[in-house]
């Protein structure tokens, strides 16, 4: 059994949390928490497909210039090669899952 209480934790952008719920070469599931006003660097993956699924709060995803606002129990697929950025423009923490069909940190190009 795994949960954020037992999963390996890491900090990104000096303030956002990530918990590696599953970390294999072919499948990654990470639970993330972004405080209000935070954003990741716009980037793309050449091979890895990702699926973002919101657990709580609101997550803004920009994908190739198109804006999507996701709330709880909403998700969005990001196909390989598409530039994207996750942002929390809401007033509360955004909590979500990032499911990847590979190791995304090894397949990343920043804009």
PDB file of N, CA and C in Angstrom:
ATOM      1  N   UNK A   1       0.841  -1.175   0.000  1.00  0.00           N
ATOM      2  CA  UNK A   1       0.000   0.000   0.000  1.00  0.00           C
ATOM      3  C   UNK A   1       0.890   1.243   0.000  1.00  0.00           C
ATOM      4  N   UNK A   2       0.427   2.304  -0.672  1.00  0.00           N
ATOM      5  CA  UNK A   2       1.202   3.548  -0.748  1.00  0.00           C
ATOM      6  C   UNK A   2       0.266   4.733  -0.569  1.00  0.00           C
ATOM      7  N   UNK A   3       0.799   5.796  -0.017  1.00  0.00           N
ATOM      8  CA  UNK A   3       0.070   7.055   0.158  1.00  0.00           C
ATOM      9  C   UNK A   3       1.107   8.166   0.263  1.00  0.00           C
ATOM     10  N   UNK A   4       0.692   9.433   0.226  1.00  0.00           N
ATOM     11  CA  UNK A   4       1.675  10.500   0.420  1.00  0.00           C
ATOM     12  C   UNK A   4       2.428  10.388   1.749  1.00  0.00           C
ATOM     13  N   UNK A   5       1.841   9.753   2.729  1.00  0.00           N
ATOM     14  CA  UNK A   5       2.525   9.588   4.025  1.00  0.00           C
ATOM     15  C   UNK A   5       3.700   8.609   3.938  1.00  0.00           C
ATOM     16  N   UNK A   6       3.653   7.681   2.977  1.00  0.00           N
ATOM     17  CA  UNK A   6       4.699   6.664   2.873  1.00  0.00           C
ATOM     18  C   UNK A   6       5.526   6.747   1.584  1.00  0.00           C
ATOM     19  N   UNK A   7       5.069   7.516   0.610  1.00  0.00           N
ATOM     20  CA  UNK A   7       5.743   7.610  -0.689  1.00  0.00           C
ATOM     21  C   UNK A   7       6.966   8.518  -0.613  1.00  0.00           C
ATOM     22  N   UNK A   8       7.961   8.270  -1.460  1.00  0.00           N
ATOM     23  CA  UNK A   8       9.095   9.197  -1.547  1.00  0.00           C
ATOM     24  C   UNK A   8       8.603  10.596  -1.935  1.00  0.00           C
ATOM     25  N   UNK A   9       9.056  11.596  -1.201  1.00  0.00           N
ATOM     26  CA  UNK A   9       8.643  12.985  -1.400  1.00  0.00           C
ATOM     27  C   UNK A   9       9.776  13.789  -2.018  1.00  0.00           C
ATOM     28  N   UNK A  10       9.416  14.765  -2.848  1.00  0.00           N
ATOM     29  CA  UNK A  10      10.400  15.713  -3.355  1.00  0.00           C
ATOM     30  C   UNK A  10       9.749  17.081  -3.458  1.00  0.00           C
ATOM     31  N   UNK A  11      10.578  18.100  -3.479  1.00  0.00           N
ATOM     32  CA  UNK A  11      10.135  19.484  -3.591  1.00  0.00           C
ATOM     33  C   UNK A  11      10.568  19.999  -4.952  1.00  0.00           C
ATOM     34  N   UNK A  12       9.688  20.698  -5.655  1.00  0.00           N
ATOM     35  CA  UNK A  12      10.078  21.308  -6.923  1.00  0.00           C
ATOM     36  C   UNK A  12       9.630  22.770  -6.927  1.00  0.00           C
ATOM     37  N   UNK A  13      10.316  23.592  -7.679  1.00  0.00           N
ATOM     38  CA  UNK A  13      10.091  25.045  -7.717  1.00  0.00           C
ATOM     39  C   UNK A  13      10.161  25.642  -6.317  1.00  0.00           C
ATOM     40  N   UNK A  14      10.912  25.017  -5.447  1.00  0.00           N
ATOM     41  CA  UNK A  14      11.158  25.462  -4.078  1.00  0.00           C
ATOM     42  C   UNK A  14       9.938  25.495  -3.164  1.00  0.00           C
ATOM     43  N   UNK A  15       8.730  25.181  -3.683  1.00  0.00           N
ATOM     44  CA  UNK A  15       7.532  25.306  -2.856  1.00  0.00           C
ATOM     45  C   UNK A  15       6.469  24.249  -3.161  1.00  0.00           C
ATOM     46  N   UNK A  16       6.563  23.562  -4.298  1.00  0.00           N
ATOM     47  CA  UNK A  16       5.554  22.579  -4.698  1.00  0.00           C
ATOM     48  C   UNK A  16       6.002  21.181  -4.257  1.00  0.00           C
ATOM     49  N   UNK A  17       5.034  20.369  -3.870  1.00  0.00           N
ATOM     50  CA  UNK A  17       5.317  19.020  -3.377  1.00  0.00           C
ATOM     51  C   UNK A  17       4.991  17.964  -4.421  1.00  0.00           C
ATOM     52  N   UNK A  18       5.771  16.899  -4.415  1.00  0.00           N
ATOM     53  CA  UNK A  18       5.495  15.729  -5.234  1.00  0.00           C
ATOM     54  C   UNK A  18       5.741  14.468  -4.432  1.00  0.00           C
ATOM     55  N   UNK A  19       4.880  13.473  -4.621  1.00  0.00           N
ATOM     56  CA  UNK A  19       5.028  12.168  -3.974  1.00  0.00           C
ATOM     57  C   UNK A  19       5.002  11.111  -5.064  1.00  0.00           C
ATOM     58  N   UNK A  20       6.058  10.311  -5.150  1.00  0.00           N
ATOM     59  CA  UNK A  20       6.148   9.252  -6.162  1.00  0.00           C
ATOM     60  C   UNK A  20       5.369   8.033  -5.677  1.00  0.00           C
ATOM     61  N   UNK A  21       4.130   7.911  -6.138  1.00  0.00           N
ATOM     62  CA  UNK A  21       3.296   6.783  -5.749  1.00  0.00           C
ATOM     63  C   UNK A  21       3.698   5.511  -6.485  1.00  0.00           C
ATOM     64  N   UNK A  22       4.170   5.669  -7.728  1.00  0.00           N
ATOM     65  CA  UNK A  22       4.677   4.548  -8.529  1.00  0.00           C
ATOM     66  C   UNK A  22       5.740   5.122  -9.454  1.00  0.00           C
ATOM     67  N   UNK A  23       6.899   4.485  -9.513  1.00  0.00           N
ATOM     68  CA  UNK A  23       8.012   5.016 -10.294  1.00  0.00           C
ATOM     69  C   UNK A  23       8.739   3.859 -10.967  1.00  0.00           C
ATOM     70  N   UNK A  24       8.254   3.484 -12.160  1.00  0.00           N
ATOM     71  CA  UNK A  24       8.887   2.416 -12.931  1.00  0.00           C
ATOM     72  C   UNK A  24       9.276   2.978 -14.301  1.00  0.00           C
ATOM     73  N   UNK A  25      10.119   2.288 -15.064  1.00  0.00           N
ATOM     74  CA  UNK A  25      10.493   2.789 -16.388  1.00  0.00           C
ATOM     75  C   UNK A  25       9.317   2.948 -17.353  1.00  0.00           C
ATOM     76  N   UNK A  26       8.239   2.196 -17.153  1.00  0.00           N
ATOM     77  CA  UNK A  26       7.117   2.262 -18.093  1.00  0.00           C
ATOM     78  C   UNK A  26       5.877   2.965 -17.545  1.00  0.00           C
ATOM     79  N   UNK A  27       5.825   3.244 -16.239  1.00  0.00           N
ATOM     80  CA  UNK A  27       4.650   3.895 -15.656  1.00  0.00           C
ATOM     81  C   UNK A  27       5.059   4.678 -14.421  1.00  0.00           C
ATOM     82  N   UNK A  28       4.625   5.943 -14.397  1.00  0.00           N
ATOM     83  CA  UNK A  28       4.889   6.814 -13.255  1.00  0.00           C
ATOM     84  C   UNK A  28       3.569   7.430 -12.799  1.00  0.00           C
ATOM     85  N   UNK A  29       3.315   7.393 -11.494  1.00  0.00           N
ATOM     86  CA  UNK A  29       2.155   8.065 -10.917  1.00  0.00           C
ATOM     87  C   UNK A  29       2.668   8.937  -9.785  1.00  0.00           C
ATOM     88  N   UNK A  30       2.464  10.232  -9.944  1.00  0.00           N
ATOM     89  CA  UNK A  30       2.933  11.203  -8.960  1.00  0.00           C
ATOM     90  C   UNK A  30       1.745  12.016  -8.471  1.00  0.00           C
ATOM     91  N   UNK A  31       1.638  12.178  -7.168  1.00  0.00           N
ATOM     92  CA  UNK A  31       0.659  13.096  -6.604  1.00  0.00           C
ATOM     93  C   UNK A  31       1.387  14.406  -6.336  1.00  0.00           C
ATOM     94  N   UNK A  32       0.821  15.507  -6.803  1.00  0.00           N
ATOM     95  CA  UNK A  32       1.469  16.803  -6.632  1.00  0.00           C
ATOM     96  C   UNK A  32       0.544  17.782  -5.933  1.00  0.00           C
ATOM     97  N   UNK A  33       1.176  18.749  -5.279  1.00  0.00           N
ATOM     98  CA  UNK A  33       0.455  19.826  -4.607  1.00  0.00           C
ATOM     99  C   UNK A  33       1.123  21.132  -4.988  1.00  0.00           C
ATOM    100  N   UNK A  34       0.328  22.044  -5.585  1.00  0.00           N
ATOM    101  CA  UNK A  34       0.829  23.361  -5.992  1.00  0.00           C
ATOM    102  C   UNK A  34       0.088  24.433  -5.203  1.00  0.00           C
ATOM    103  N   UNK A  35       0.793  25.229  -4.410  1.00  0.00           N
ATOM    104  CA  UNK A  35       0.140  26.346  -3.722  1.00  0.00           C
ATOM    105  C   UNK A  35      -0.360  27.385  -4.732  1.00  0.00           C
ATOM    106  N   UNK A  36      -1.282  28.250  -4.310  1.00  0.00           N
ATOM    107  CA  UNK A  36      -1.762  29.308  -5.204  1.00  0.00           C
ATOM    108  C   UNK A  36      -0.609  30.163  -5.735  1.00  0.00           C
ATOM    109  N   UNK A  37      -0.725  30.568  -6.996  1.00  0.00           N
ATOM    110  CA  UNK A  37       0.273  31.446  -7.597  1.00  0.00           C
ATOM    111  C   UNK A  37       1.531  30.766  -8.096  1.00  0.00           C
ATOM    112  N   UNK A  38       1.578  29.443  -8.110  1.00  0.00           N
ATOM    113  CA  UNK A  38       2.769  28.729  -8.572  1.00  0.00           C
ATOM    114  C   UNK A  38       2.561  28.183  -9.982  1.00  0.00           C
ATOM    115  N   UNK A  39       3.673  27.895 -10.656  1.00  0.00           N
ATOM    116  CA  UNK A  39       3.621  27.356 -12.021  1.00  0.00           C
ATOM    117  C   UNK A  39       4.882  26.564 -12.285  1.00  0.00           C
ATOM    118  N   UNK A  40       4.764  25.596 -13.166  1.00  0.00           N
ATOM    119  CA  UNK A  40       5.951  24.878 -13.618  1.00  0.00           C
ATOM    120  C   UNK A  40       6.469  25.552 -14.882  1.00  0.00           C
ATOM    121  N   UNK A  41       7.669  25.213 -15.286  1.00  0.00           N
ATOM    122  CA  UNK A  41       8.249  25.726 -16.520  1.00  0.00           C
ATOM    123  C   UNK A  41       7.539  25.083 -17.706  1.00  0.00           C
ATOM    124  N   UNK A  42       7.226  25.879 -18.710  1.00  0.00           N
ATOM    125  CA  UNK A  42       6.610  25.351 -19.931  1.00  0.00           C
ATOM    126  C   UNK A  42       7.603  24.395 -20.580  1.00  0.00           C
ATOM    127  N   UNK A  43       7.109  23.216 -20.991  1.00  0.00           N
ATOM    128  CA  UNK A  43       7.997  22.192 -21.529  1.00  0.00           C
ATOM    129  C   UNK A  43       7.201  21.210 -22.385  1.00  0.00           C
ATOM    130  N   UNK A  44       7.930  20.248 -22.954  1.00  0.00           N
ATOM    131  CA  UNK A  44       7.296  19.150 -23.697  1.00  0.00           C
ATOM    132  C   UNK A  44       8.118  17.891 -23.508  1.00  0.00           C
ATOM    133  N   UNK A  45       7.494  16.769 -23.822  1.00  0.00           N
ATOM    134  CA  UNK A  45       8.149  15.465 -23.779  1.00  0.00           C
ATOM    135  C   UNK A  45       8.086  14.875 -25.188  1.00  0.00           C
ATOM    136  N   UNK A  46       9.179  14.312 -25.663  1.00  0.00           N
ATOM    137  CA  UNK A  46       9.181  13.779 -27.029  1.00  0.00           C
ATOM    138  C   UNK A  46       8.514  12.414 -27.133  1.00  0.00           C
ATOM    139  N   UNK A  47       8.580  11.601 -26.064  1.00  0.00           N
ATOM    140  CA  UNK A  47       8.018  10.247 -26.103  1.00  0.00           C
ATOM    141  C   UNK A  47       6.924   9.996 -25.067  1.00  0.00           C
ATOM    142  N   UNK A  48       6.999  10.677 -23.944  1.00  0.00           N
ATOM    143  CA  UNK A  48       6.115  10.369 -22.808  1.00  0.00           C
ATOM    144  C   UNK A  48       4.750  11.045 -22.954  1.00  0.00           C
ATOM    145  N   UNK A  49       3.710  10.255 -22.751  1.00  0.00           N
ATOM    146  CA  UNK A  49       2.322  10.729 -22.712  1.00  0.00           C
ATOM    147  C   UNK A  49       1.954  10.907 -21.242  1.00  0.00           C
ATOM    148  N   UNK A  50       1.239  11.994 -20.914  1.00  0.00           N
ATOM    149  CA  UNK A  50       0.854  12.249 -19.529  1.00  0.00           C
ATOM    150  C   UNK A  50      -0.651  12.467 -19.415  1.00  0.00           C
ATOM    151  N   UNK A  51      -1.153  12.186 -18.220  1.00  0.00           N
ATOM    152  CA  UNK A  51      -2.553  12.445 -17.897  1.00  0.00           C
ATOM    153  C   UNK A  51      -2.586  13.132 -16.539  1.00  0.00           C
ATOM    154  N   UNK A  52      -3.144  14.339 -16.498  1.00  0.00           N
ATOM    155  CA  UNK A  52      -3.299  15.103 -15.265  1.00  0.00           C
ATOM    156  C   UNK A  52      -4.730  14.912 -14.768  1.00  0.00           C
ATOM    157  N   UNK A  53      -4.879  14.581 -13.480  1.00  0.00           N
ATOM    158  CA  UNK A  53      -6.203  14.349 -12.894  1.00  0.00           C
ATOM    159  C   UNK A  53      -6.288  15.106 -11.573  1.00  0.00           C
ATOM    160  N   UNK A  54      -7.221  16.050 -11.482  1.00  0.00           N
ATOM    161  CA  UNK A  54      -7.327  16.924 -10.313  1.00  0.00           C
ATOM    162  C   UNK A  54      -8.089  16.238  -9.190  1.00  0.00           C
ATOM    163  N   UNK A  55      -7.482  16.263  -8.000  1.00  0.00           N
ATOM    164  CA  UNK A  55      -8.105  15.720  -6.792  1.00  0.00           C
ATOM    165  C   UNK A  55      -8.798  16.819  -5.988  1.00  0.00           C
ATOM    166  N   UNK A  56      -8.193  18.012  -5.951  1.00  0.00           N
ATOM    167  CA  UNK A  56      -8.751  19.128  -5.203  1.00  0.00           C
ATOM    168  C   UNK A  56      -8.218  20.447  -5.715  1.00  0.00           C
ATOM    169  N   UNK A  57      -8.985  21.516  -5.530  1.00  0.00           N
ATOM    170  CA  UNK A  57      -8.596  22.829  -6.021  1.00  0.00           C
ATOM    171  C   UNK A  57      -8.835  22.941  -7.508  1.00  0.00           C
ATOM    172  N   UNK A  58      -8.151  23.883  -8.144  1.00  0.00           N
ATOM    173  CA  UNK A  58      -8.273  24.100  -9.584  1.00  0.00           C
ATOM    174  C   UNK A  58      -6.887  24.160 -10.197  1.00  0.00           C
ATOM    175  N   UNK A  59      -6.708  23.494 -11.322  1.00  0.00           N
ATOM    176  CA  UNK A  59      -5.438  23.474 -12.028  1.00  0.00           C
ATOM    177  C   UNK A  59      -5.647  24.032 -13.429  1.00  0.00           C
ATOM    178  N   UNK A  60      -4.828  24.994 -13.811  1.00  0.00           N
ATOM    179  CA  UNK A  60      -4.855  25.527 -15.169  1.00  0.00           C
ATOM    180  C   UNK A  60      -3.750  24.848 -15.953  1.00  0.00           C
ATOM    181  N   UNK A  61      -4.114  24.260 -17.094  1.00  0.00           N
ATOM    182  CA  UNK A  61      -3.136  23.651 -17.992  1.00  0.00           C
ATOM    183  C   UNK A  61      -3.162  24.409 -19.313  1.00  0.00           C
ATOM    184  N   UNK A  62      -1.994  24.893 -19.724  1.00  0.00           N
ATOM    185  CA  UNK A  62      -1.850  25.510 -21.033  1.00  0.00           C
ATOM    186  C   UNK A  62      -1.195  24.464 -21.919  1.00  0.00           C
ATOM    187  N   UNK A  63      -1.848  24.129 -23.031  1.00  0.00           N
ATOM    188  CA  UNK A  63      -1.333  23.114 -23.949  1.00  0.00           C
ATOM    189  C   UNK A  63      -1.287  23.721 -25.347  1.00  0.00           C
ATOM    190  N   UNK A  64      -0.085  23.939 -25.855  1.00  0.00           N
ATOM    191  CA  UNK A  64       0.102  24.548 -27.179  1.00  0.00           C
ATOM    192  C   UNK A  64      -0.732  25.817 -27.334  1.00  0.00           C
ATOM    193  N   UNK A  65      -0.761  26.647 -26.292  1.00  0.00           N
ATOM    194  CA  UNK A  65      -1.466  27.927 -26.343  1.00  0.00           C
ATOM    195  C   UNK A  65      -2.930  27.879 -25.964  1.00  0.00           C
ATOM    196  N   UNK A  66      -3.513  26.695 -25.818  1.00  0.00           N
ATOM    197  CA  UNK A  66      -4.915  26.559 -25.421  1.00  0.00           C
ATOM    198  C   UNK A  66      -4.988  26.381 -23.905  1.00  0.00           C
ATOM    199  N   UNK A  67      -5.930  27.075 -23.262  1.00  0.00           N
ATOM    200  CA  UNK A  67      -6.055  27.066 -21.807  1.00  0.00           C
ATOM    201  C   UNK A  67      -7.196  26.139 -21.381  1.00  0.00           C
ATOM    202  N   UNK A  68      -6.902  25.279 -20.404  1.00  0.00           N
ATOM    203  CA  UNK A  68      -7.898  24.384 -19.810  1.00  0.00           C
ATOM    204  C   UNK A  68      -7.903  24.611 -18.305  1.00  0.00           C
ATOM    205  N   UNK A  69      -9.071  24.818 -17.727  1.00  0.00           N
ATOM    206  CA  UNK A  69      -9.205  24.959 -16.273  1.00  0.00           C
ATOM    207  C   UNK A  69      -9.879  23.695 -15.765  1.00  0.00           C
ATOM    208  N   UNK A  70      -9.148  22.924 -14.958  1.00  0.00           N
ATOM    209  CA  UNK A  70      -9.651  21.650 -14.454  1.00  0.00           C
ATOM    210  C   UNK A  70      -9.983  21.772 -12.980  1.00  0.00           C
ATOM    211  N   UNK A  71     -11.133  21.235 -12.604  1.00  0.00           N
ATOM    212  CA  UNK A  71     -11.534  21.164 -11.209  1.00  0.00           C
ATOM    213  C   UNK A  71     -11.495  19.722 -10.735  1.00  0.00           C
ATOM    214  N   UNK A  72     -11.927  19.485  -9.496  1.00  0.00           N
ATOM    215  CA  UNK A  72     -11.914  18.122  -8.950  1.00  0.00           C
ATOM    216  C   UNK A  72     -12.652  17.129  -9.850  1.00  0.00           C
ATOM    217  N   UNK A  73     -12.054  15.972  -9.997  1.00  0.00           N
ATOM    218  CA  UNK A  73     -12.572  14.860 -10.786  1.00  0.00           C
ATOM    219  C   UNK A  73     -12.606  15.165 -12.278  1.00  0.00           C
ATOM    220  N   UNK A  74     -11.690  16.049 -12.721  1.00  0.00           N
ATOM    221  CA  UNK A  74     -11.518  16.317 -14.144  1.00  0.00           C
ATOM    222  C   UNK A  74     -10.071  16.043 -14.513  1.00  0.00           C
ATOM    223  N   UNK A  75      -9.870  15.549 -15.735  1.00  0.00           N
ATOM    224  CA  UNK A  75      -8.532  15.223 -16.188  1.00  0.00           C
ATOM    225  C   UNK A  75      -8.289  15.660 -17.613  1.00  0.00           C
ATOM    226  N   UNK A  76      -7.011  15.652 -18.017  1.00  0.00           N
ATOM    227  CA  UNK A  76      -6.637  16.029 -19.370  1.00  0.00           C
ATOM    228  C   UNK A  76      -5.385  15.259 -19.778  1.00  0.00           C
ATOM    229  N   UNK A  77      -5.420  14.707 -20.981  1.00  0.00           N
ATOM    230  CA  UNK A  77      -4.272  13.993 -21.545  1.00  0.00           C
ATOM    231  C   UNK A  77      -3.375  14.973 -22.291  1.00  0.00           C
ATOM    232  N   UNK A  78      -2.069  14.805 -22.125  1.00  0.00           N
ATOM    233  CA  UNK A  78      -1.076  15.591 -22.861  1.00  0.00           C
ATOM    234  C   UNK A  78      -0.282  14.616 -23.725  1.00  0.00           C
ATOM    235  N   UNK A  79      -0.469  14.704 -25.031  1.00  0.00           N
ATOM    236  CA  UNK A  79       0.223  13.810 -25.957  1.00  0.00           C
ATOM    237  C   UNK A  79       1.696  14.207 -26.082  1.00  0.00           C
ATOM    238  N   UNK A  80       2.562  13.261 -26.442  1.00  0.00           N
ATOM    239  CA  UNK A  80       3.974  13.581 -26.653  1.00  0.00           C
ATOM    240  C   UNK A  80       4.125  14.697 -27.690  1.00  0.00           C
ATOM    241  N   UNK A  81       5.133  15.556 -27.480  1.00  0.00           N
ATOM    242  CA  UNK A  81       5.429  16.621 -28.425  1.00  0.00           C
ATOM    243  C   UNK A  81       4.674  17.912 -28.193  1.00  0.00           C
ATOM    244  N   UNK A  82       3.690  17.924 -27.291  1.00  0.00           N
ATOM    245  CA  UNK A  82       2.888  19.124 -27.059  1.00  0.00           C
ATOM    246  C   UNK A  82       3.490  19.962 -25.930  1.00  0.00           C
ATOM    247  N   UNK A  83       3.702  21.251 -26.191  1.00  0.00           N
ATOM    248  CA  UNK A  83       4.193  22.159 -25.169  1.00  0.00           C
ATOM    249  C   UNK A  83       3.096  22.355 -24.132  1.00  0.00           C
ATOM    250  N   UNK A  84       3.462  22.283 -22.846  1.00  0.00           N
ATOM    251  CA  UNK A  84       2.450  22.449 -21.811  1.00  0.00           C
ATOM    252  C   UNK A  84       3.044  23.046 -20.540  1.00  0.00           C
ATOM    253  N   UNK A  85       2.144  23.597 -19.728  1.00  0.00           N
ATOM    254  CA  UNK A  85       2.520  24.196 -18.452  1.00  0.00           C
ATOM    255  C   UNK A  85       1.334  24.075 -17.505  1.00  0.00           C
ATOM    256  N   UNK A  86       1.612  23.610 -16.293  1.00  0.00           N
ATOM    257  CA  UNK A  86       0.608  23.562 -15.227  1.00  0.00           C
ATOM    258  C   UNK A  86       0.783  24.799 -14.359  1.00  0.00           C
ATOM    259  N   UNK A  87      -0.342  25.439 -14.026  1.00  0.00           N
ATOM    260  CA  UNK A  87      -0.331  26.627 -13.174  1.00  0.00           C
ATOM    261  C   UNK A  87      -1.474  26.533 -12.170  1.00  0.00           C
ATOM    262  N   UNK A  88      -1.255  27.117 -11.004  1.00  0.00           N
ATOM    263  CA  UNK A  88      -2.342  27.251 -10.036  1.00  0.00           C
ATOM    264  C   UNK A  88      -2.693  28.726  -9.955  1.00  0.00           C
ATOM    265  N   UNK A  89      -3.766  29.097 -10.634  1.00  0.00           N
ATOM    266  CA  UNK A  89      -4.246  30.475 -10.643  1.00  0.00           C
ATOM    267  C   UNK A  89      -5.380  30.669  -9.651  1.00  0.00           C
ATOM    268  N   UNK A  90      -5.718  29.631  -8.906  1.00  0.00           N
ATOM    269  CA  UNK A  90      -6.809  29.697  -7.941  1.00  0.00           C
ATOM    270  C   UNK A  90      -6.354  30.212  -6.589  1.00  0.00           C
ATOM    271  N   UNK A  91      -7.288  30.241  -5.648  1.00  0.00           N
ATOM    272  CA  UNK A  91      -7.006  30.753  -4.320  1.00  0.00           C
ATOM    273  C   UNK A  91      -6.662  29.694  -3.292  1.00  0.00           C
ATOM    274  N   UNK A  92      -6.697  28.427  -3.702  1.00  0.00           N
ATOM    275  CA  UNK A  92      -6.393  27.317  -2.787  1.00  0.00           C
ATOM    276  C   UNK A  92      -5.363  26.408  -3.452  1.00  0.00           C
ATOM    277  N   UNK A  93      -4.762  25.530  -2.675  1.00  0.00           N
ATOM    278  CA  UNK A  93      -3.798  24.575  -3.228  1.00  0.00           C
ATOM    279  C   UNK A  93      -4.484  23.681  -4.261  1.00  0.00           C
ATOM    280  N   UNK A  94      -3.767  23.373  -5.333  1.00  0.00           N
ATOM    281  CA  UNK A  94      -4.232  22.406  -6.325  1.00  0.00           C
ATOM    282  C   UNK A  94      -3.544  21.087  -6.025  1.00  0.00           C
ATOM    283  N   UNK A  95      -4.333  20.029  -5.903  1.00  0.00           N
ATOM    284  CA  UNK A  95      -3.790  18.688  -5.688  1.00  0.00           C
ATOM    285  C   UNK A  95      -4.234  17.822  -6.847  1.00  0.00           C
ATOM    286  N   UNK A  96      -3.279  17.094  -7.429  1.00  0.00           N
ATOM    287  CA  UNK A  96      -3.589  16.342  -8.637  1.00  0.00           C
ATOM    288  C   UNK A  96      -2.629  15.184  -8.813  1.00  0.00           C
ATOM    289  N   UNK A  97      -3.008  14.262  -9.689  1.00  0.00           N
ATOM    290  CA  UNK A  97      -2.152  13.154 -10.091  1.00  0.00           C
ATOM    291  C   UNK A  97      -1.583  13.440 -11.469  1.00  0.00           C
ATOM    292  N   UNK A  98      -0.322  13.065 -11.672  1.00  0.00           N
ATOM    293  CA  UNK A  98       0.292  13.094 -13.001  1.00  0.00           C
ATOM    294  C   UNK A  98       0.685  11.654 -13.306  1.00  0.00           C
ATOM    295  N   UNK A  99       0.034  11.086 -14.309  1.00  0.00           N
ATOM    296  CA  UNK A  99       0.275   9.702 -14.703  1.00  0.00           C
ATOM    297  C   UNK A  99       1.015   9.742 -16.040  1.00  0.00           C
ATOM    298  N   UNK A 100       2.175   9.104 -16.096  1.00  0.00           N
ATOM    299  CA  UNK A 100       3.025   9.144 -17.290  1.00  0.00           C
ATOM    300  C   UNK A 100       3.364   7.728 -17.734  1.00  0.00           C
ATOM    301  N   UNK A 101       3.414   7.509 -19.048  1.00  0.00           N
ATOM    302  CA  UNK A 101       3.746   6.180 -19.569  1.00  0.00           C
ATOM    303  C   UNK A 101       5.248   6.024 -19.791  1.00  0.00           C
ATOM    304  N   UNK A 102       6.017   6.603 -18.906  1.00  0.00           N
ATOM    305  CA  UNK A 102       7.469   6.524 -18.939  1.00  0.00           C
ATOM    306  C   UNK A 102       8.047   7.485 -17.922  1.00  0.00           C
ATOM    307  N   UNK A 103       9.343   7.661 -17.944  1.00  0.00           N
ATOM    308  CA  UNK A 103      10.009   8.547 -16.990  1.00  0.00           C
ATOM    309  C   UNK A 103      10.079   9.937 -17.618  1.00  0.00           C
ATOM    310  N   UNK A 104       9.164  10.817 -17.220  1.00  0.00           N
ATOM    311  CA  UNK A 104       9.052  12.133 -17.860  1.00  0.00           C
ATOM    312  C   UNK A 104      10.242  13.035 -17.598  1.00  0.00           C
ATOM    313  N   UNK A 105      10.884  12.903 -16.441  1.00  0.00           N
ATOM    314  CA  UNK A 105      12.020  13.799 -16.143  1.00  0.00           C
ATOM    315  C   UNK A 105      13.221  13.522 -17.045  1.00  0.00           C
ATOM    316  N   UNK A 106      13.274  12.347 -17.659  1.00  0.00           N
ATOM    317  CA  UNK A 106      14.365  11.997 -18.575  1.00  0.00           C
ATOM    318  C   UNK A 106      14.004  12.315 -20.030  1.00  0.00           C
ATOM    319  N   UNK A 107      12.783  12.796 -20.255  1.00  0.00           N
ATOM    320  CA  UNK A 107      12.274  13.043 -21.610  1.00  0.00           C
ATOM    321  C   UNK A 107      11.639  14.432 -21.638  1.00  0.00           C
ATOM    322  N   UNK A 108      12.384  15.440 -21.206  1.00  0.00           N
ATOM    323  CA  UNK A 108      11.815  16.774 -21.038  1.00  0.00           C
ATOM    324  C   UNK A 108      12.678  17.820 -21.733  1.00  0.00           C
ATOM    325  N   UNK A 109      12.010  18.700 -22.466  1.00  0.00           N
ATOM    326  CA  UNK A 109      12.662  19.837 -23.117  1.00  0.00           C
ATOM    327  C   UNK A 109      11.940  21.096 -22.674  1.00  0.00           C
ATOM    328  N   UNK A 110      12.644  22.006 -21.975  1.00  0.00           N
ATOM    329  CA  UNK A 110      12.055  23.271 -21.536  1.00  0.00           C
ATOM    330  C   UNK A 110      12.033  24.256 -22.681  1.00  0.00           C
ATOM    331  N   UNK A 111      11.032  25.144 -22.659  1.00  0.00           N
ATOM    332  CA  UNK A 111      10.929  26.158 -23.729  1.00  0.00           C
ATOM    333  C   UNK A 111      11.843  27.331 -23.463  1.00  0.00           C
TER     334      UNK A 111
END
